[in-house]
Amino acid sequence: MKASWKGVTLAQSEDTVVVEGNHYFPPDSVVREHFGASDTSTHCPWKGDASYYHVRVGDDVNADAAWFYPEPREAAAEIRDHVAFWKGVEVTP
């Protein structure tokens, strides 16, 4: 699977974990130069607290377009630190 935005690959892996229709990419598959810290967080009753990244390509920023669970609940342990995308980021085979 490949995650891209504005024609730039943000993550690529043959080993994503699919949860609720979202592909979660392993931490080592993410191109870190395109990610910036965000103060946003959300809560999922069964996965736990999610943190977000802003995605950056050149001068363009897609705020909070990626999220991850640094300390997921036991039921979602397999996605610890894996990154998922939305807000126009294309995830394709």
N, C-alpha and C. Protein backbone atom coordinates (compact mmCIF):
# COMPACT_ATOMS: atom_id res chain seq x y z
N MET A 1 0.84 -1.18 0.00
CA MET A 1 0.00 0.00 0.00
C MET A 1 0.89 1.24 0.00
N LYS A 2 0.35 2.30 -0.58
CA LYS A 2 1.08 3.56 -0.65
C LYS A 2 0.15 4.71 -0.28
N ALA A 3 0.64 5.60 0.57
CA ALA A 3 -0.09 6.82 0.92
C ALA A 3 0.62 7.98 0.25
N SER A 4 -0.14 8.80 -0.49
CA SER A 4 0.48 9.93 -1.18
C SER A 4 -0.42 11.15 -1.13
N TRP A 5 0.21 12.31 -1.22
CA TRP A 5 -0.51 13.58 -1.26
C TRP A 5 0.27 14.52 -2.16
N LYS A 6 -0.43 15.15 -3.09
CA LYS A 6 0.19 16.06 -4.06
C LYS A 6 1.31 15.38 -4.84
N GLY A 7 1.12 14.08 -5.12
CA GLY A 7 2.08 13.33 -5.91
C GLY A 7 3.31 12.87 -5.17
N VAL A 8 3.38 13.07 -3.87
CA VAL A 8 4.54 12.70 -3.07
C VAL A 8 4.17 11.51 -2.17
N THR A 9 5.02 10.50 -2.14
CA THR A 9 4.80 9.32 -1.29
C THR A 9 5.09 9.68 0.16
N LEU A 10 4.10 9.47 1.02
CA LEU A 10 4.24 9.73 2.45
C LEU A 10 4.59 8.48 3.23
N ALA A 11 4.10 7.33 2.75
CA ALA A 11 4.37 6.03 3.39
C ALA A 11 4.12 4.95 2.36
N GLN A 12 4.87 3.85 2.50
CA GLN A 12 4.68 2.72 1.59
C GLN A 12 5.07 1.44 2.33
N SER A 13 4.17 0.44 2.26
CA SER A 13 4.43 -0.81 2.96
C SER A 13 3.57 -1.94 2.41
N GLU A 14 4.10 -3.14 2.46
CA GLU A 14 3.33 -4.34 2.14
C GLU A 14 2.72 -4.94 3.41
N ASP A 15 2.93 -4.26 4.54
CA ASP A 15 2.53 -4.81 5.83
C ASP A 15 1.69 -3.82 6.63
N THR A 16 0.64 -3.26 6.01
CA THR A 16 -0.25 -2.37 6.76
C THR A 16 -1.23 -3.21 7.58
N VAL A 17 -1.81 -2.58 8.58
CA VAL A 17 -2.84 -3.21 9.40
C VAL A 17 -4.14 -2.45 9.11
N VAL A 18 -5.18 -3.15 8.71
CA VAL A 18 -6.44 -2.50 8.38
C VAL A 18 -7.38 -2.58 9.58
N VAL A 19 -7.81 -1.41 10.03
CA VAL A 19 -8.76 -1.29 11.14
C VAL A 19 -9.83 -0.30 10.72
N GLU A 20 -11.07 -0.73 10.77
CA GLU A 20 -12.21 0.12 10.42
C GLU A 20 -12.04 0.76 9.04
N GLY A 21 -11.49 0.00 8.11
CA GLY A 21 -11.32 0.46 6.74
C GLY A 21 -10.12 1.35 6.50
N ASN A 22 -9.35 1.65 7.53
CA ASN A 22 -8.14 2.48 7.39
C ASN A 22 -6.89 1.61 7.41
N HIS A 23 -5.96 1.91 6.50
CA HIS A 23 -4.67 1.23 6.50
C HIS A 23 -3.73 1.97 7.44
N TYR A 24 -3.21 1.26 8.42
CA TYR A 24 -2.23 1.81 9.34
C TYR A 24 -0.85 1.33 8.90
N PHE A 25 0.02 2.29 8.59
CA PHE A 25 1.35 2.00 8.08
C PHE A 25 2.35 1.87 9.23
N PRO A 26 3.25 0.87 9.15
CA PRO A 26 4.26 0.72 10.19
C PRO A 26 5.13 1.97 10.29
N PRO A 27 5.63 2.28 11.49
CA PRO A 27 6.42 3.50 11.68
C PRO A 27 7.62 3.62 10.73
N ASP A 28 8.27 2.50 10.43
CA ASP A 28 9.47 2.57 9.59
C ASP A 28 9.15 2.74 8.10
N SER A 29 7.88 2.76 7.73
CA SER A 29 7.50 2.94 6.33
C SER A 29 7.13 4.39 6.01
N VAL A 30 7.14 5.24 7.03
CA VAL A 30 6.71 6.63 6.89
C VAL A 30 7.90 7.51 6.55
N VAL A 31 7.73 8.40 5.56
CA VAL A 31 8.78 9.34 5.16
C VAL A 31 8.67 10.56 6.09
N ARG A 32 9.44 10.55 7.16
CA ARG A 32 9.29 11.51 8.28
C ARG A 32 9.48 12.97 7.87
N GLU A 33 10.21 13.23 6.82
CA GLU A 33 10.46 14.62 6.43
C GLU A 33 9.16 15.35 6.05
N HIS A 34 8.09 14.61 5.79
CA HIS A 34 6.83 15.21 5.40
C HIS A 34 5.83 15.36 6.55
N PHE A 35 6.29 15.15 7.78
CA PHE A 35 5.40 15.18 8.93
C PHE A 35 5.85 16.21 9.94
N GLY A 36 4.87 16.92 10.49
CA GLY A 36 5.14 17.88 11.55
C GLY A 36 4.20 17.64 12.71
N ALA A 37 4.64 18.00 13.88
CA ALA A 37 3.85 17.78 15.09
C ALA A 37 2.56 18.59 15.08
N SER A 38 1.54 18.02 15.69
CA SER A 38 0.25 18.68 15.86
C SER A 38 -0.15 18.54 17.33
N ASP A 39 -0.89 19.51 17.81
CA ASP A 39 -1.38 19.44 19.19
C ASP A 39 -2.73 18.73 19.28
N THR A 40 -3.27 18.33 18.13
CA THR A 40 -4.59 17.70 18.09
C THR A 40 -4.55 16.29 18.66
N SER A 41 -5.58 15.94 19.39
CA SER A 41 -5.75 14.57 19.86
C SER A 41 -7.25 14.26 19.89
N THR A 42 -7.57 12.99 19.72
CA THR A 42 -8.96 12.55 19.80
C THR A 42 -9.00 11.26 20.61
N HIS A 43 -10.20 10.86 21.00
CA HIS A 43 -10.35 9.64 21.79
C HIS A 43 -11.31 8.68 21.09
N CYS A 44 -10.91 7.42 21.03
CA CYS A 44 -11.76 6.34 20.54
C CYS A 44 -12.00 5.40 21.72
N PRO A 45 -13.25 5.04 21.98
CA PRO A 45 -13.54 4.20 23.14
C PRO A 45 -12.81 2.87 23.16
N TRP A 46 -12.54 2.28 21.98
CA TRP A 46 -11.89 0.96 22.03
C TRP A 46 -10.42 1.00 21.62
N LYS A 47 -9.98 2.04 20.89
CA LYS A 47 -8.57 2.13 20.50
C LYS A 47 -7.75 2.98 21.44
N GLY A 48 -8.37 3.97 22.05
CA GLY A 48 -7.65 4.85 22.97
C GLY A 48 -7.49 6.25 22.41
N ASP A 49 -6.42 6.94 22.83
CA ASP A 49 -6.18 8.33 22.44
C ASP A 49 -5.27 8.40 21.23
N ALA A 50 -5.73 9.12 20.19
CA ALA A 50 -4.95 9.29 18.97
C ALA A 50 -4.26 10.65 18.99
N SER A 51 -3.05 10.67 18.44
CA SER A 51 -2.31 11.91 18.22
C SER A 51 -2.23 12.13 16.72
N TYR A 52 -1.97 13.37 16.30
CA TYR A 52 -2.00 13.71 14.88
C TYR A 52 -0.70 14.34 14.40
N TYR A 53 -0.51 14.27 13.09
CA TYR A 53 0.59 14.95 12.40
C TYR A 53 0.00 15.87 11.33
N HIS A 54 0.68 16.98 11.08
CA HIS A 54 0.41 17.77 9.90
C HIS A 54 1.27 17.16 8.79
N VAL A 55 0.73 17.07 7.59
CA VAL A 55 1.49 16.56 6.44
C VAL A 55 1.97 17.76 5.64
N ARG A 56 3.25 17.76 5.26
CA ARG A 56 3.84 18.87 4.53
C ARG A 56 4.47 18.39 3.22
N VAL A 57 4.11 19.06 2.14
CA VAL A 57 4.73 18.81 0.84
C VAL A 57 5.09 20.18 0.28
N GLY A 58 6.37 20.47 0.21
CA GLY A 58 6.80 21.80 -0.20
C GLY A 58 6.26 22.83 0.77
N ASP A 59 5.59 23.85 0.25
CA ASP A 59 5.00 24.88 1.10
C ASP A 59 3.56 24.57 1.52
N ASP A 60 3.03 23.45 1.04
CA ASP A 60 1.64 23.09 1.34
C ASP A 60 1.56 22.24 2.61
N VAL A 61 0.59 22.58 3.46
CA VAL A 61 0.38 21.85 4.71
C VAL A 61 -1.05 21.32 4.74
N ASN A 62 -1.19 20.05 5.04
CA ASN A 62 -2.50 19.41 5.22
C ASN A 62 -2.61 19.13 6.72
N ALA A 63 -3.28 20.03 7.42
CA ALA A 63 -3.35 19.96 8.89
C ALA A 63 -4.05 18.70 9.38
N ASP A 64 -3.40 18.03 10.31
CA ASP A 64 -3.97 16.85 10.98
C ASP A 64 -4.39 15.75 10.01
N ALA A 65 -3.65 15.58 8.93
CA ALA A 65 -4.01 14.60 7.90
C ALA A 65 -3.54 13.18 8.22
N ALA A 66 -2.78 13.02 9.28
CA ALA A 66 -2.31 11.69 9.67
C ALA A 66 -2.50 11.53 11.18
N TRP A 67 -2.79 10.31 11.59
CA TRP A 67 -2.94 10.06 13.03
C TRP A 67 -2.32 8.74 13.41
N PHE A 68 -2.07 8.60 14.72
CA PHE A 68 -1.48 7.37 15.25
C PHE A 68 -1.87 7.23 16.71
N TYR A 69 -1.70 6.03 17.21
CA TYR A 69 -2.01 5.73 18.62
C TYR A 69 -0.71 5.36 19.34
N PRO A 70 -0.12 6.28 20.11
CA PRO A 70 1.13 5.97 20.80
C PRO A 70 0.97 4.96 21.93
N GLU A 71 -0.21 4.94 22.56
CA GLU A 71 -0.50 4.02 23.67
C GLU A 71 -1.90 3.46 23.50
N PRO A 72 -2.12 2.61 22.48
CA PRO A 72 -3.48 2.11 22.25
C PRO A 72 -3.93 1.16 23.36
N ARG A 73 -5.23 1.00 23.46
CA ARG A 73 -5.76 0.01 24.39
C ARG A 73 -5.38 -1.38 23.89
N GLU A 74 -5.49 -2.35 24.74
CA GLU A 74 -5.07 -3.72 24.42
C GLU A 74 -5.74 -4.24 23.14
N ALA A 75 -6.99 -3.93 22.92
CA ALA A 75 -7.71 -4.43 21.74
C ALA A 75 -7.12 -3.91 20.44
N ALA A 76 -6.38 -2.81 20.50
CA ALA A 76 -5.79 -2.21 19.30
C ALA A 76 -4.26 -2.21 19.35
N ALA A 77 -3.68 -3.06 20.16
CA ALA A 77 -2.23 -3.06 20.35
C ALA A 77 -1.44 -3.19 19.05
N GLU A 78 -2.01 -3.87 18.06
CA GLU A 78 -1.28 -4.10 16.81
C GLU A 78 -1.03 -2.82 16.00
N ILE A 79 -1.74 -1.72 16.33
CA ILE A 79 -1.52 -0.48 15.58
C ILE A 79 -0.69 0.55 16.36
N ARG A 80 -0.07 0.15 17.43
CA ARG A 80 0.79 1.06 18.20
C ARG A 80 1.79 1.75 17.27
N ASP A 81 1.76 3.08 17.27
CA ASP A 81 2.67 3.93 16.49
C ASP A 81 2.53 3.80 14.97
N HIS A 82 1.58 3.00 14.50
CA HIS A 82 1.32 2.93 13.05
C HIS A 82 0.56 4.20 12.65
N VAL A 83 0.73 4.63 11.40
CA VAL A 83 0.17 5.89 10.94
C VAL A 83 -0.92 5.65 9.90
N ALA A 84 -2.07 6.31 10.08
CA ALA A 84 -3.17 6.26 9.12
C ALA A 84 -3.43 7.67 8.59
N PHE A 85 -4.15 7.75 7.48
CA PHE A 85 -4.31 9.02 6.78
C PHE A 85 -5.76 9.31 6.41
N TRP A 86 -6.04 10.59 6.17
CA TRP A 86 -7.32 11.06 5.66
C TRP A 86 -7.12 12.45 5.08
N LYS A 87 -8.18 13.22 4.91
CA LYS A 87 -8.11 14.60 4.43
C LYS A 87 -7.41 14.72 3.08
N GLY A 88 -7.79 13.86 2.14
CA GLY A 88 -7.27 13.98 0.79
C GLY A 88 -6.00 13.19 0.50
N VAL A 89 -5.43 12.55 1.52
CA VAL A 89 -4.28 11.68 1.28
C VAL A 89 -4.81 10.41 0.63
N GLU A 90 -4.24 10.06 -0.51
CA GLU A 90 -4.68 8.86 -1.24
C GLU A 90 -3.93 7.64 -0.74
N VAL A 91 -4.67 6.59 -0.41
CA VAL A 91 -4.08 5.31 -0.03
C VAL A 91 -4.47 4.31 -1.09
N THR A 92 -3.46 3.81 -1.81
CA THR A 92 -3.69 2.93 -2.96
C THR A 92 -2.79 1.70 -2.89
N PRO A 93 -3.23 0.64 -3.58
CA PRO A 93 -2.39 -0.57 -3.62
C PRO A 93 -1.09 -0.35 -4.38
